[in-house]
Structure formats: structure tokens, C-alpha cells
């Protein structure tokens, strides 16, 4: 293919095809993650809590501690127990 309107068509096509393949892989991985959560649920684990733990594990330790401290302050202000 030649340049069309200043766009290298072959290069563009390569990028598009790579993105499409990655999107397919992403969907397959999402399906795998769903399956693992389903297995965990079948074993009696709370999926909502597991998702929360995964989010926390992704956080920096200092950020997580700060969030915990703010949560504790808010809960005390609302007279809620931890």
C-alpha cells in the first residue's frame, strides 16, 4: 500500500492489527479472571472482599495507610465501628 493523504497505510494497518490482537488477548484474560473468581466463589470465598483486597494490594503502602486512617476518622465521626 502507498501513502494515502500523508498516512503510511501499511504502518497504520500494522498498528490496528496489533491493537485488535491485544484486545482479543485482553478479553481472553478477563474471561480467565472471571473463571477464577467463580471458582473462588464456589469454594465459599467472598468475591467482593477478594476484589477489595486486590485493589489494596495494588496500592502503595503509604497511600493505603493514609486511606485507612481517613476511613477510621470518617467512621468515628459517623459513630461506626471498625
N, C-alpha and C. Protein backbone atom coordinates (compact mmCIF):
# COMPACT_ATOMS: atom_id res chain seq x y z
N UNK A 1 0.84 -1.19 0.00
CA UNK A 1 0.00 0.00 0.00
C UNK A 1 0.87 1.25 0.00
N UNK A 2 0.35 2.27 -0.53
CA UNK A 2 1.09 3.53 -0.61
C UNK A 2 0.58 4.50 0.46
N UNK A 3 1.23 5.63 0.52
CA UNK A 3 0.75 6.68 1.41
C UNK A 3 -0.58 7.21 0.89
N UNK A 4 -1.50 7.41 1.79
CA UNK A 4 -2.80 7.96 1.42
C UNK A 4 -3.01 9.21 2.26
N UNK A 5 -3.01 10.34 1.60
CA UNK A 5 -3.20 11.59 2.32
C UNK A 5 -2.12 11.82 3.37
N UNK A 6 -0.91 11.36 3.10
CA UNK A 6 0.19 11.56 4.05
C UNK A 6 0.26 10.50 5.12
N UNK A 7 -0.60 9.48 5.05
CA UNK A 7 -0.61 8.41 6.06
C UNK A 7 -0.01 7.15 5.45
N UNK A 8 0.96 6.57 6.12
CA UNK A 8 1.57 5.32 5.66
C UNK A 8 0.59 4.20 5.97
N UNK A 9 -0.13 3.76 4.97
CA UNK A 9 -1.21 2.80 5.14
C UNK A 9 -0.74 1.48 5.74
N UNK A 10 0.40 0.96 5.31
CA UNK A 10 0.91 -0.31 5.84
C UNK A 10 1.20 -0.20 7.33
N UNK A 11 1.83 0.89 7.72
CA UNK A 11 2.16 1.10 9.14
C UNK A 11 0.89 1.23 9.97
N UNK A 12 -0.06 1.97 9.47
CA UNK A 12 -1.34 2.14 10.17
C UNK A 12 -2.04 0.80 10.34
N UNK A 13 -2.07 0.01 9.26
CA UNK A 13 -2.71 -1.30 9.30
C UNK A 13 -2.03 -2.19 10.33
N UNK A 14 -0.70 -2.14 10.41
CA UNK A 14 0.04 -2.94 11.39
C UNK A 14 -0.35 -2.56 12.82
N UNK A 15 -0.43 -1.25 13.09
CA UNK A 15 -0.84 -0.81 14.42
C UNK A 15 -2.25 -1.28 14.75
N UNK A 16 -3.16 -1.12 13.83
CA UNK A 16 -4.56 -1.52 14.05
C UNK A 16 -4.64 -3.02 14.33
N UNK A 17 -3.95 -3.83 13.54
CA UNK A 17 -3.99 -5.28 13.73
C UNK A 17 -3.37 -5.69 15.06
N UNK A 18 -2.29 -5.02 15.47
CA UNK A 18 -1.69 -5.32 16.77
C UNK A 18 -2.65 -5.00 17.90
N UNK A 19 -3.32 -3.85 17.80
CA UNK A 19 -4.29 -3.46 18.83
C UNK A 19 -5.44 -4.45 18.87
N UNK A 20 -5.92 -4.87 17.72
CA UNK A 20 -7.01 -5.85 17.67
C UNK A 20 -6.60 -7.16 18.34
N UNK A 21 -5.38 -7.63 18.09
CA UNK A 21 -4.90 -8.87 18.74
C UNK A 21 -4.81 -8.70 20.24
N UNK A 22 -4.31 -7.55 20.67
CA UNK A 22 -4.20 -7.29 22.11
C UNK A 22 -5.58 -7.22 22.76
N UNK A 23 -6.55 -6.63 22.07
CA UNK A 23 -7.92 -6.57 22.59
C UNK A 23 -8.49 -7.98 22.76
N UNK A 24 -8.20 -8.86 21.80
CA UNK A 24 -8.66 -10.25 21.90
C UNK A 24 -8.00 -10.94 23.10
N UNK A 25 -6.70 -10.71 23.28
CA UNK A 25 -5.99 -11.30 24.42
C UNK A 25 -6.55 -10.77 25.74
N UNK A 26 -6.85 -9.47 25.76
CA UNK A 26 -7.40 -8.84 26.97
C UNK A 26 -8.74 -9.47 27.33
N UNK A 27 -9.58 -9.72 26.32
CA UNK A 27 -10.87 -10.34 26.57
C UNK A 27 -10.69 -11.76 27.11
N UNK A 28 -9.74 -12.50 26.53
CA UNK A 28 -9.48 -13.87 26.99
C UNK A 28 -9.00 -13.86 28.44
N UNK A 29 -8.14 -12.91 28.78
CA UNK A 29 -7.66 -12.80 30.16
C UNK A 29 -8.79 -12.43 31.11
N UNK A 30 -9.66 -11.52 30.69
CA UNK A 30 -10.80 -11.14 31.52
C UNK A 30 -11.70 -12.35 31.76
N UNK A 31 -11.89 -13.16 30.74
CA UNK A 31 -12.69 -14.38 30.90
C UNK A 31 -12.02 -15.33 31.90
N UNK A 32 -10.69 -15.44 31.84
CA UNK A 32 -9.95 -16.29 32.78
C UNK A 32 -10.09 -15.78 34.21
N UNK A 33 -10.01 -14.47 34.39
CA UNK A 33 -10.14 -13.88 35.72
C UNK A 33 -11.54 -14.16 36.26
N UNK A 34 -12.56 -13.99 35.41
CA UNK A 34 -13.93 -14.29 35.83
C UNK A 34 -14.07 -15.74 36.27
N UNK A 35 -13.43 -16.63 35.54
CA UNK A 35 -13.49 -18.05 35.87
C UNK A 35 -12.84 -18.33 37.24
N UNK A 36 -11.71 -17.68 37.51
CA UNK A 36 -11.04 -17.87 38.80
C UNK A 36 -11.92 -17.34 39.93
N UNK A 37 -12.55 -16.18 39.73
CA UNK A 37 -13.46 -15.66 40.75
C UNK A 37 -14.63 -16.62 40.96
N UNK A 38 -15.12 -17.19 39.90
CA UNK A 38 -16.21 -18.15 40.01
C UNK A 38 -15.79 -19.38 40.81
N UNK A 39 -14.58 -19.85 40.56
CA UNK A 39 -14.06 -20.99 41.33
C UNK A 39 -13.93 -20.63 42.80
N UNK A 40 -13.42 -19.43 43.07
CA UNK A 40 -13.26 -18.98 44.46
C UNK A 40 -14.62 -18.89 45.15
N UNK A 41 -15.60 -18.35 44.43
CA UNK A 41 -16.95 -18.25 44.99
C UNK A 41 -17.51 -19.64 45.29
N UNK A 42 -17.27 -20.58 44.39
CA UNK A 42 -17.71 -21.95 44.59
C UNK A 42 -17.04 -22.60 45.79
N UNK A 43 -15.87 -22.10 46.16
CA UNK A 43 -15.16 -22.62 47.33
C UNK A 43 -15.55 -21.88 48.60
N UNK A 44 -16.49 -20.93 48.50
CA UNK A 44 -17.00 -20.25 49.67
C UNK A 44 -16.37 -18.90 49.97
N UNK A 45 -15.50 -18.40 49.09
CA UNK A 45 -14.88 -17.11 49.34
C UNK A 45 -15.79 -15.97 48.90
N UNK A 46 -15.68 -14.83 49.58
CA UNK A 46 -16.46 -13.64 49.27
C UNK A 46 -15.75 -12.87 48.17
N UNK A 47 -16.33 -12.82 47.00
CA UNK A 47 -15.71 -12.22 45.83
C UNK A 47 -15.54 -10.71 46.01
N UNK A 48 -16.52 -10.07 46.60
CA UNK A 48 -16.46 -8.63 46.82
C UNK A 48 -15.24 -8.28 47.68
N UNK A 49 -15.01 -9.05 48.71
CA UNK A 49 -13.86 -8.82 49.59
C UNK A 49 -12.56 -9.12 48.85
N UNK A 50 -12.55 -10.18 48.06
CA UNK A 50 -11.35 -10.51 47.29
C UNK A 50 -10.98 -9.37 46.34
N UNK A 51 -11.99 -8.80 45.65
CA UNK A 51 -11.72 -7.69 44.74
C UNK A 51 -11.15 -6.49 45.50
N UNK A 52 -11.69 -6.25 46.70
CA UNK A 52 -11.19 -5.14 47.52
C UNK A 52 -9.74 -5.38 47.92
N UNK A 53 -9.42 -6.59 48.31
CA UNK A 53 -8.04 -6.92 48.70
C UNK A 53 -7.10 -6.74 47.51
N UNK A 54 -7.53 -7.15 46.34
CA UNK A 54 -6.69 -7.00 45.15
C UNK A 54 -6.41 -5.52 44.88
N UNK A 55 -7.45 -4.67 45.03
CA UNK A 55 -7.25 -3.22 44.86
C UNK A 55 -6.26 -2.69 45.89
N UNK A 56 -6.40 -3.14 47.14
CA UNK A 56 -5.49 -2.68 48.20
C UNK A 56 -4.05 -3.11 47.93
N UNK A 57 -3.87 -4.33 47.45
CA UNK A 57 -2.52 -4.84 47.19
C UNK A 57 -1.83 -4.07 46.07
N UNK A 58 -2.60 -3.46 45.18
CA UNK A 58 -2.03 -2.67 44.10
C UNK A 58 -1.55 -1.30 44.58
N UNK A 59 -2.06 -0.87 45.74
CA UNK A 59 -1.75 0.45 46.25
C UNK A 59 -0.38 0.48 46.92
N UNK A 60 0.23 1.64 46.88
CA UNK A 60 1.45 1.89 47.63
C UNK A 60 1.12 1.81 49.13
N UNK A 61 2.03 1.28 49.93
CA UNK A 61 1.78 1.09 51.36
C UNK A 61 1.41 2.40 52.05
N UNK A 62 2.12 3.47 51.74
CA UNK A 62 1.83 4.76 52.38
C UNK A 62 0.43 5.25 51.99
N UNK A 63 0.07 5.10 50.74
CA UNK A 63 -1.27 5.52 50.30
C UNK A 63 -2.35 4.69 50.98
N UNK A 64 -2.09 3.39 51.11
CA UNK A 64 -3.07 2.51 51.76
C UNK A 64 -3.24 2.90 53.22
N UNK A 65 -2.14 3.18 53.91
CA UNK A 65 -2.23 3.59 55.33
C UNK A 65 -2.98 4.89 55.47
N UNK A 66 -2.70 5.84 54.58
CA UNK A 66 -3.40 7.12 54.63
C UNK A 66 -4.90 6.91 54.42
N UNK A 67 -5.26 6.09 53.47
CA UNK A 67 -6.66 5.81 53.21
C UNK A 67 -7.32 5.16 54.43
N UNK A 68 -6.60 4.22 55.06
CA UNK A 68 -7.13 3.56 56.25
C UNK A 68 -7.35 4.55 57.39
N UNK A 69 -6.41 5.47 57.57
CA UNK A 69 -6.54 6.47 58.63
C UNK A 69 -7.73 7.39 58.39
N UNK A 70 -7.89 7.83 57.14
CA UNK A 70 -9.02 8.69 56.80
C UNK A 70 -10.33 7.93 57.00
N UNK A 71 -10.36 6.68 56.59
CA UNK A 71 -11.55 5.85 56.77
C UNK A 71 -11.90 5.75 58.25
N UNK A 72 -10.90 5.53 59.10
CA UNK A 72 -11.13 5.41 60.54
C UNK A 72 -11.69 6.71 61.11
N UNK A 73 -11.16 7.84 60.67
CA UNK A 73 -11.66 9.14 61.14
C UNK A 73 -13.11 9.31 60.73
N UNK A 74 -13.43 9.03 59.49
CA UNK A 74 -14.80 9.17 59.00
C UNK A 74 -15.75 8.25 59.76
N UNK A 75 -15.32 7.02 59.98
CA UNK A 75 -16.19 6.07 60.67
C UNK A 75 -16.43 6.50 62.12
N UNK A 76 -15.39 7.04 62.78
CA UNK A 76 -15.59 7.54 64.14
C UNK A 76 -16.56 8.71 64.13
N UNK A 77 -16.43 9.58 63.13
CA UNK A 77 -17.32 10.73 63.03
C UNK A 77 -18.78 10.31 62.84
N UNK A 78 -18.97 9.16 62.20
CA UNK A 78 -20.32 8.64 61.97
C UNK A 78 -20.73 7.62 63.03
N UNK A 79 -19.89 7.50 64.07
CA UNK A 79 -20.13 6.58 65.18
C UNK A 79 -20.33 5.14 64.69
N UNK A 80 -19.46 4.75 63.77
CA UNK A 80 -19.48 3.39 63.24
C UNK A 80 -18.29 2.64 63.83
N UNK A 81 -18.44 1.35 63.99
CA UNK A 81 -17.36 0.52 64.49
C UNK A 81 -16.55 -0.02 63.33
N UNK A 82 -15.27 -0.25 63.58
CA UNK A 82 -14.42 -0.86 62.56
C UNK A 82 -14.55 -2.34 62.56
